Every structure is written in structure tokens, then in C-alpha cells.
Amino acid sequence: MKSALKSGLLALAAAALPAVAYAHPAIGEAAGFSHGFAHPISGLDHVLAMVMVGVFAFQLGGRATWLVPTTFVLVMALGGALGVAGINVPFVEIGIALSVVVLGAVVALNVKAPLAAALGMIGLFAIFHGHAHGAEMPENAAGAAYAAGFMAATALLHVAGLVLGYVIGRAGEGQGVFVTRTAGGIAAIAGVGILAGLI
């Protein structure tokens, strides 16, 4: 059990490593696809939420495995368009922090939500994350390339979450569930820290 827990925590830490390294770089230094790609991995809040989306999709299984991440990416693109257009969405930063808390909690509690409810929740959080990406697009960036970049990075983080769920699950049914739920709990606690401004 200790080795499974250690593996799960190491995988979670590895997924979060880019966030620690980049920590929201100055906007305007890069443009287009590369800057859009860097933005989702530039903050711990985004990384944790995206990875938890993938783990949550894995836990739900079936059609949710691809519908949950796909819905997030598509609705996030809509949120990004709102941000680029300068259309205000209230409480974006709070919504992003809450997404980490809630997604971490549903993973920790292994919530088997109905697919429609899961997609509704994912879509709501995707608006906040997308708006943040769009609102912070540099003026000299090509909009379509920038959007493609942050959508690609988000999709890869979702895949990381799906792989994390699968790899941990391979540790054994009992140990895998424990490690996955522990990872979700750590993410939820980190989300509370982000919400409180401590992280």
C-alpha cells in the first residue's frame, strides 16, 4: 500500500511540476500557439483542475471517459472567446479555485454522478478557466493559434489525469482506490489554499 501511495503522490507532484516552474509568466512575452500552450500549465490552479477532470472521467468510466474531457475543452473555448471579446464573467478567479476544491472532492469521494450532472458541472468550471485564458491573451498573439495552444495543453492535462487514474488503478482495486482518493483529497486541500490566497 505504501508503494502505491508513493507512486500516486509522485505522479500528482509530477503533474503539478510545470505549475511550480512557470507560476504565471509575464503576459505579452510570447504569442500564438506556444504562449497559449504555456498558459494552462502556468498555474497550479489550472493544472490541478485539469488533471482532476481526467481522473474524474476515468472514475466515471464508459462514455464519460471521453465526453467529460471533450466537453471541458469545447466549453473552455467558448469561455476563452468571451475573455478575448472582453465580455465580463463574474467571479472567475473564485470559480477557478472552487473548481479545484470541487473536482478534488468528487475524486476523493469517488462520486458517481449522472453523466448529465457531471457534464453540467464540468461545463460551468470550463467557462471560468477558458475566460481566464482568453482574457490574458497577449495583444500580439494570433487568436486562433493561441486558442489551439491552450486547448491542446488542457487536453494533454486531461489525458495525464486519465493515465494517472489508470496507472493507480493497476496498483490493485483496494490500493488504487485509496491512492486515487488521497490524490483527490490533496487537490481539494490545495484548492482551499488557493481560494484562501495561501497558495
C-alpha atoms as a PDB file:
ATOM      1  CA  MET A   1       0.000   0.000   0.000  1.00  0.00           C
ATOM      2  CA  LYS A   2       2.875   2.372   0.831  1.00  0.00           C
ATOM      3  CA  SER A   3       4.432   1.932  -2.613  1.00  0.00           C
ATOM      4  CA  ALA A   4       1.073   2.554  -4.321  1.00  0.00           C
ATOM      5  CA  LEU A   5       0.553   5.690  -2.245  1.00  0.00           C
ATOM      6  CA  LYS A   6       4.066   6.839  -3.011  1.00  0.00           C
ATOM      7  CA  SER A   7       3.555   6.249  -6.753  1.00  0.00           C
ATOM      8  CA  GLY A   8       0.278   8.151  -6.764  1.00  0.00           C
ATOM      9  CA  LEU A   9       1.684  11.135  -4.903  1.00  0.00           C
ATOM     10  CA  LEU A  10       4.757  11.217  -7.135  1.00  0.00           C
ATOM     11  CA  ALA A  11       2.541  11.191 -10.225  1.00  0.00           C
ATOM     12  CA  LEU A  12       0.419  14.024  -8.810  1.00  0.00           C
ATOM     13  CA  ALA A  13       3.543  16.008  -7.959  1.00  0.00           C
ATOM     14  CA  ALA A  14       4.949  15.428 -11.451  1.00  0.00           C
ATOM     15  CA  ALA A  15       1.714  16.671 -12.992  1.00  0.00           C
ATOM     16  CA  ALA A  16       1.897  19.808 -10.847  1.00  0.00           C
ATOM     17  CA  LEU A  17       5.607  20.451 -11.504  1.00  0.00           C
ATOM     18  CA  PRO A  18       5.091  22.715 -14.540  1.00  0.00           C
ATOM     19  CA  ALA A  19       2.878  24.964 -12.427  1.00  0.00           C
ATOM     20  CA  VAL A  20       5.603  25.424  -9.848  1.00  0.00           C
ATOM     21  CA  ALA A  21       8.167  26.119 -12.554  1.00  0.00           C
ATOM     22  CA  TYR A  22       6.175  28.647 -14.570  1.00  0.00           C
ATOM     23  CA  ALA A  23       3.985  30.336 -11.926  1.00  0.00           C
ATOM     24  CA  HIS A  24       2.105  32.621 -14.347  1.00  0.00           C
ATOM     25  CA  PRO A  25       4.801  34.192 -16.569  1.00  0.00           C
ATOM     26  CA  ALA A  26       4.522  37.783 -17.703  1.00  0.00           C
ATOM     27  CA  ILE A  27       1.901  38.204 -20.395  1.00  0.00           C
ATOM     28  CA  GLY A  28       2.999  39.588 -23.755  1.00  0.00           C
ATOM     29  CA  GLU A  29       6.447  37.973 -23.978  1.00  0.00           C
ATOM     30  CA  ALA A  30       5.295  35.261 -26.349  1.00  0.00           C
ATOM     31  CA  ALA A  31       2.488  34.899 -28.829  1.00  0.00           C
ATOM     32  CA  GLY A  32       0.408  32.381 -30.668  1.00  0.00           C
ATOM     33  CA  PHE A  33       0.380  28.671 -30.067  1.00  0.00           C
ATOM     34  CA  SER A  34       3.373  28.452 -27.722  1.00  0.00           C
ATOM     35  CA  HIS A  35       2.028  31.112 -25.371  1.00  0.00           C
ATOM     36  CA  GLY A  36      -1.456  29.603 -25.442  1.00  0.00           C
ATOM     37  CA  PHE A  37       0.045  26.193 -24.702  1.00  0.00           C
ATOM     38  CA  ALA A  38       2.045  27.570 -21.765  1.00  0.00           C
ATOM     39  CA  HIS A  39      -0.875  29.325 -20.091  1.00  0.00           C
ATOM     40  CA  PRO A  40      -2.780  26.292 -18.692  1.00  0.00           C
ATOM     41  CA  ILE A  41       0.425  24.855 -17.234  1.00  0.00           C
ATOM     42  CA  SER A  42       1.485  28.195 -15.761  1.00  0.00           C
ATOM     43  CA  GLY A  43      -0.631  27.986 -12.624  1.00  0.00           C
ATOM     44  CA  LEU A  44      -1.181  25.316 -10.010  1.00  0.00           C
ATOM     45  CA  ASP A  45      -4.924  26.007 -10.047  1.00  0.00           C
ATOM     46  CA  HIS A  46      -5.260  25.187 -13.746  1.00  0.00           C
ATOM     47  CA  VAL A  47      -3.004  22.126 -13.593  1.00  0.00           C
ATOM     48  CA  LEU A  48      -4.747  20.541 -10.599  1.00  0.00           C
ATOM     49  CA  ALA A  49      -8.223  21.172 -12.012  1.00  0.00           C
ATOM     50  CA  MET A  50      -7.338  19.757 -15.447  1.00  0.00           C
ATOM     51  CA  VAL A  51      -5.708  16.635 -14.035  1.00  0.00           C
ATOM     52  CA  MET A  52      -8.690  16.084 -11.702  1.00  0.00           C
ATOM     53  CA  VAL A  53     -11.046  16.360 -14.705  1.00  0.00           C
ATOM     54  CA  GLY A  54      -9.162  13.442 -16.269  1.00  0.00           C
ATOM     55  CA  VAL A  55      -9.193  11.381 -13.067  1.00  0.00           C
ATOM     56  CA  PHE A  56     -12.913  12.112 -12.573  1.00  0.00           C
ATOM     57  CA  ALA A  57     -13.630  10.996 -16.149  1.00  0.00           C
ATOM     58  CA  PHE A  58     -11.695   7.792 -15.501  1.00  0.00           C
ATOM     59  CA  GLN A  59     -13.638   7.130 -12.299  1.00  0.00           C
ATOM     60  CA  LEU A  60     -16.974   7.592 -14.066  1.00  0.00           C
ATOM     61  CA  GLY A  61     -15.907   5.282 -16.890  1.00  0.00           C
ATOM     62  CA  GLY A  62     -17.867   4.418 -20.034  1.00  0.00           C
ATOM     63  CA  ARG A  63     -18.799   7.330 -22.300  1.00  0.00           C
ATOM     64  CA  ALA A  64     -17.753   9.799 -19.589  1.00  0.00           C
ATOM     65  CA  THR A  65     -14.132   8.831 -20.225  1.00  0.00           C
ATOM     66  CA  TRP A  66     -14.147  10.869 -23.430  1.00  0.00           C
ATOM     67  CA  LEU A  67     -17.272  13.039 -23.022  1.00  0.00           C
ATOM     68  CA  VAL A  68     -16.131  14.773 -19.821  1.00  0.00           C
ATOM     69  CA  PRO A  69     -12.722  15.957 -21.136  1.00  0.00           C
ATOM     70  CA  THR A  70     -14.123  16.799 -24.580  1.00  0.00           C
ATOM     71  CA  THR A  71     -16.938  18.865 -23.076  1.00  0.00           C
ATOM     72  CA  PHE A  72     -14.470  20.716 -20.874  1.00  0.00           C
ATOM     73  CA  VAL A  73     -12.197  21.620 -23.794  1.00  0.00           C
ATOM     74  CA  LEU A  74     -15.063  22.752 -26.053  1.00  0.00           C
ATOM     75  CA  VAL A  75     -16.843  24.826 -23.405  1.00  0.00           C
ATOM     76  CA  MET A  76     -13.489  26.251 -22.311  1.00  0.00           C
ATOM     77  CA  ALA A  77     -13.008  27.511 -25.884  1.00  0.00           C
ATOM     78  CA  LEU A  78     -16.327  29.355 -25.538  1.00  0.00           C
ATOM     79  CA  GLY A  79     -15.138  30.866 -22.249  1.00  0.00           C
ATOM     80  CA  GLY A  80     -11.900  31.861 -23.960  1.00  0.00           C
ATOM     81  CA  ALA A  81     -13.852  33.649 -26.697  1.00  0.00           C
ATOM     82  CA  LEU A  82     -15.757  35.586 -24.025  1.00  0.00           C
ATOM     83  CA  GLY A  83     -12.466  36.591 -22.410  1.00  0.00           C
ATOM     84  CA  VAL A  84     -10.911  37.719 -25.702  1.00  0.00           C
ATOM     85  CA  ALA A  85     -14.063  39.714 -26.507  1.00  0.00           C
ATOM     86  CA  GLY A  86     -13.843  41.456 -23.142  1.00  0.00           C
ATOM     87  CA  ILE A  87     -17.219  40.110 -22.010  1.00  0.00           C
ATOM     88  CA  ASN A  88     -17.229  40.032 -18.226  1.00  0.00           C
ATOM     89  CA  VAL A  89     -17.785  36.780 -16.378  1.00  0.00           C
ATOM     90  CA  PRO A  90     -18.098  37.395 -12.634  1.00  0.00           C
ATOM     91  CA  PHE A  91     -16.001  35.621 -10.008  1.00  0.00           C
ATOM     92  CA  VAL A  92     -13.590  33.995 -12.489  1.00  0.00           C
ATOM     93  CA  GLU A  93     -10.714  33.528 -10.031  1.00  0.00           C
ATOM     94  CA  ILE A  94     -13.057  32.252  -7.320  1.00  0.00           C
ATOM     95  CA  GLY A  95     -14.672  29.901  -9.842  1.00  0.00           C
ATOM     96  CA  ILE A  96     -11.269  28.521 -10.828  1.00  0.00           C
ATOM     97  CA  ALA A  97     -10.247  27.945  -7.202  1.00  0.00           C
ATOM     98  CA  LEU A  98     -13.621  26.340  -6.440  1.00  0.00           C
ATOM     99  CA  SER A  99     -13.166  24.043  -9.429  1.00  0.00           C
ATOM    100  CA  VAL A 100     -10.016  22.650  -7.802  1.00  0.00           C
ATOM    101  CA  VAL A 101     -11.829  22.152  -4.482  1.00  0.00           C
ATOM    102  CA  VAL A 102     -14.917  20.540  -6.017  1.00  0.00           C
ATOM    103  CA  LEU A 103     -13.111  18.362  -8.566  1.00  0.00           C
ATOM    104  CA  GLY A 104     -10.640  17.210  -5.928  1.00  0.00           C
ATOM    105  CA  ALA A 105     -13.532  16.415  -3.590  1.00  0.00           C
ATOM    106  CA  VAL A 106     -15.531  14.423  -6.167  1.00  0.00           C
ATOM    107  CA  VAL A 107     -12.402  12.397  -6.938  1.00  0.00           C
ATOM    108  CA  ALA A 108     -11.644  11.905  -3.232  1.00  0.00           C
ATOM    109  CA  LEU A 109     -15.229  10.824  -2.528  1.00  0.00           C
ATOM    110  CA  ASN A 110     -15.405   8.762  -5.750  1.00  0.00           C
ATOM    111  CA  VAL A 111     -18.692  10.455  -6.661  1.00  0.00           C
ATOM    112  CA  LYS A 112     -20.572   8.523  -9.342  1.00  0.00           C
ATOM    113  CA  ALA A 113     -22.524  11.470 -10.695  1.00  0.00           C
ATOM    114  CA  PRO A 114     -25.032  11.012 -13.532  1.00  0.00           C
ATOM    115  CA  LEU A 115     -23.379  11.916 -16.822  1.00  0.00           C
ATOM    116  CA  ALA A 116     -25.621  14.961 -17.408  1.00  0.00           C
ATOM    117  CA  ALA A 117     -24.796  16.369 -13.959  1.00  0.00           C
ATOM    118  CA  ALA A 118     -21.086  15.704 -14.472  1.00  0.00           C
ATOM    119  CA  LEU A 119     -21.112  17.484 -17.838  1.00  0.00           C
ATOM    120  CA  GLY A 120     -23.035  20.437 -16.380  1.00  0.00           C
ATOM    121  CA  MET A 121     -20.522  20.855 -13.572  1.00  0.00           C
ATOM    122  CA  ILE A 122     -17.565  20.445 -15.922  1.00  0.00           C
ATOM    123  CA  GLY A 123     -19.045  22.957 -18.361  1.00  0.00           C
ATOM    124  CA  LEU A 124     -19.522  25.570 -15.632  1.00  0.00           C
ATOM    125  CA  PHE A 125     -15.925  25.286 -14.483  1.00  0.00           C
ATOM    126  CA  ALA A 126     -14.681  25.283 -18.079  1.00  0.00           C
ATOM    127  CA  ILE A 127     -16.214  28.741 -18.629  1.00  0.00           C
ATOM    128  CA  PHE A 128     -14.111  30.170 -15.784  1.00  0.00           C
ATOM    129  CA  HIS A 129     -10.876  28.534 -16.919  1.00  0.00           C
ATOM    130  CA  GLY A 130     -11.455  29.497 -20.561  1.00  0.00           C
ATOM    131  CA  HIS A 131     -12.291  33.093 -19.688  1.00  0.00           C
ATOM    132  CA  ALA A 132      -9.040  33.414 -17.743  1.00  0.00           C
ATOM    133  CA  HIS A 133      -7.052  32.068 -20.703  1.00  0.00           C
ATOM    134  CA  GLY A 134      -8.812  34.355 -23.182  1.00  0.00           C
ATOM    135  CA  ALA A 135      -8.650  37.486 -21.037  1.00  0.00           C
ATOM    136  CA  GLU A 136      -4.884  37.068 -20.636  1.00  0.00           C
ATOM    137  CA  MET A 137      -4.166  36.617 -24.339  1.00  0.00           C
ATOM    138  CA  PRO A 138      -1.349  38.980 -25.395  1.00  0.00           C
ATOM    139  CA  GLU A 139      -2.330  41.677 -27.882  1.00  0.00           C
ATOM    140  CA  ASN A 140       0.254  40.474 -30.393  1.00  0.00           C
ATOM    141  CA  ALA A 141      -0.913  36.845 -30.303  1.00  0.00           C
ATOM    142  CA  ALA A 142      -2.783  35.230 -33.182  1.00  0.00           C
ATOM    143  CA  GLY A 143      -6.141  34.380 -31.620  1.00  0.00           C
ATOM    144  CA  ALA A 144      -6.758  31.038 -33.338  1.00  0.00           C
ATOM    145  CA  ALA A 145      -3.215  29.798 -32.676  1.00  0.00           C
ATOM    146  CA  TYR A 146      -3.378  30.929 -29.048  1.00  0.00           C
ATOM    147  CA  ALA A 147      -6.729  29.145 -28.560  1.00  0.00           C
ATOM    148  CA  ALA A 148      -5.377  25.996 -30.199  1.00  0.00           C
ATOM    149  CA  GLY A 149      -2.431  26.144 -27.797  1.00  0.00           C
ATOM    150  CA  PHE A 150      -4.422  26.372 -24.594  1.00  0.00           C
ATOM    151  CA  MET A 151      -6.901  23.763 -25.815  1.00  0.00           C
ATOM    152  CA  ALA A 152      -4.063  21.350 -26.665  1.00  0.00           C
ATOM    153  CA  ALA A 153      -2.364  21.844 -23.291  1.00  0.00           C
ATOM    154  CA  THR A 154      -5.667  21.358 -21.473  1.00  0.00           C
ATOM    155  CA  ALA A 155      -6.398  18.173 -23.406  1.00  0.00           C
ATOM    156  CA  LEU A 156      -2.938  16.822 -22.544  1.00  0.00           C
ATOM    157  CA  LEU A 157      -3.508  17.549 -18.844  1.00  0.00           C
ATOM    158  CA  HIS A 158      -6.829  15.687 -19.087  1.00  0.00           C
ATOM    159  CA  VAL A 159      -5.002  12.752 -20.669  1.00  0.00           C
ATOM    160  CA  ALA A 160      -2.459  12.912 -17.814  1.00  0.00           C
ATOM    161  CA  GLY A 161      -5.370  12.595 -15.380  1.00  0.00           C
ATOM    162  CA  LEU A 162      -6.838   9.647 -17.271  1.00  0.00           C
ATOM    163  CA  VAL A 163      -3.439   7.930 -17.339  1.00  0.00           C
ATOM    164  CA  LEU A 164      -2.934   8.693 -13.651  1.00  0.00           C
ATOM    165  CA  GLY A 165      -6.277   7.078 -12.839  1.00  0.00           C
ATOM    166  CA  TYR A 166      -5.431   4.040 -14.939  1.00  0.00           C
ATOM    167  CA  VAL A 167      -1.906   3.618 -13.548  1.00  0.00           C
ATOM    168  CA  ILE A 168      -3.069   3.974  -9.953  1.00  0.00           C
ATOM    169  CA  GLY A 169      -5.911   1.570 -10.657  1.00  0.00           C
ATOM    170  CA  ARG A 170      -3.358  -1.003 -11.797  1.00  0.00           C
ATOM    171  CA  ALA A 171      -1.927  -0.975  -8.273  1.00  0.00           C
ATOM    172  CA  GLY A 172      -4.897  -3.057  -7.205  1.00  0.00           C
ATOM    173  CA  GLU A 173      -8.534  -2.333  -6.563  1.00  0.00           C
ATOM    174  CA  GLY A 174      -8.173  -1.539  -2.854  1.00  0.00           C
ATOM    175  CA  GLN A 175      -4.850   0.298  -3.027  1.00  0.00           C
ATOM    176  CA  GLY A 176      -5.707   2.056  -6.285  1.00  0.00           C
ATOM    177  CA  VAL A 177      -8.939   3.486  -4.910  1.00  0.00           C
ATOM    178  CA  PHE A 178      -7.150   4.634  -1.761  1.00  0.00           C
ATOM    179  CA  VAL A 179      -4.364   6.369  -3.672  1.00  0.00           C
ATOM    180  CA  THR A 180      -6.752   7.997  -6.148  1.00  0.00           C
ATOM    181  CA  ARG A 181      -8.961   9.289  -3.365  1.00  0.00           C
ATOM    182  CA  THR A 182      -5.915  10.546  -1.478  1.00  0.00           C
ATOM    183  CA  ALA A 183      -4.748  12.430  -4.577  1.00  0.00           C
ATOM    184  CA  GLY A 184      -8.209  13.985  -4.885  1.00  0.00           C
ATOM    185  CA  GLY A 185      -8.118  14.988  -1.232  1.00  0.00           C
ATOM    186  CA  ILE A 186      -4.714  16.629  -1.658  1.00  0.00           C
ATOM    187  CA  ALA A 187      -6.013  18.548  -4.684  1.00  0.00           C
ATOM    188  CA  ALA A 188      -9.114  19.679  -2.753  1.00  0.00           C
ATOM    189  CA  ILE A 189      -6.978  20.900   0.155  1.00  0.00           C
ATOM    190  CA  ALA A 190      -4.708  22.736  -2.278  1.00  0.00           C
ATOM    191  CA  GLY A 191      -7.825  24.316  -3.790  1.00  0.00           C
ATOM    192  CA  VAL A 192      -8.880  25.582  -0.377  1.00  0.00           C
ATOM    193  CA  GLY A 193      -5.403  27.070  -0.004  1.00  0.00           C
ATOM    194  CA  ILE A 194      -5.708  28.759  -3.411  1.00  0.00           C
ATOM    195  CA  LEU A 195      -9.190  30.039  -2.540  1.00  0.00           C
ATOM    196  CA  ALA A 196      -7.899  31.469   0.732  1.00  0.00           C
ATOM    197  CA  GLY A 197      -4.917  33.051  -1.007  1.00  0.00           C
ATOM    198  CA  LEU A 198      -2.414  30.927   0.891  1.00  0.00           C
ATOM    199  CA  ILE A 199      -1.014  29.243  -2.243  1.00  0.00           C
END
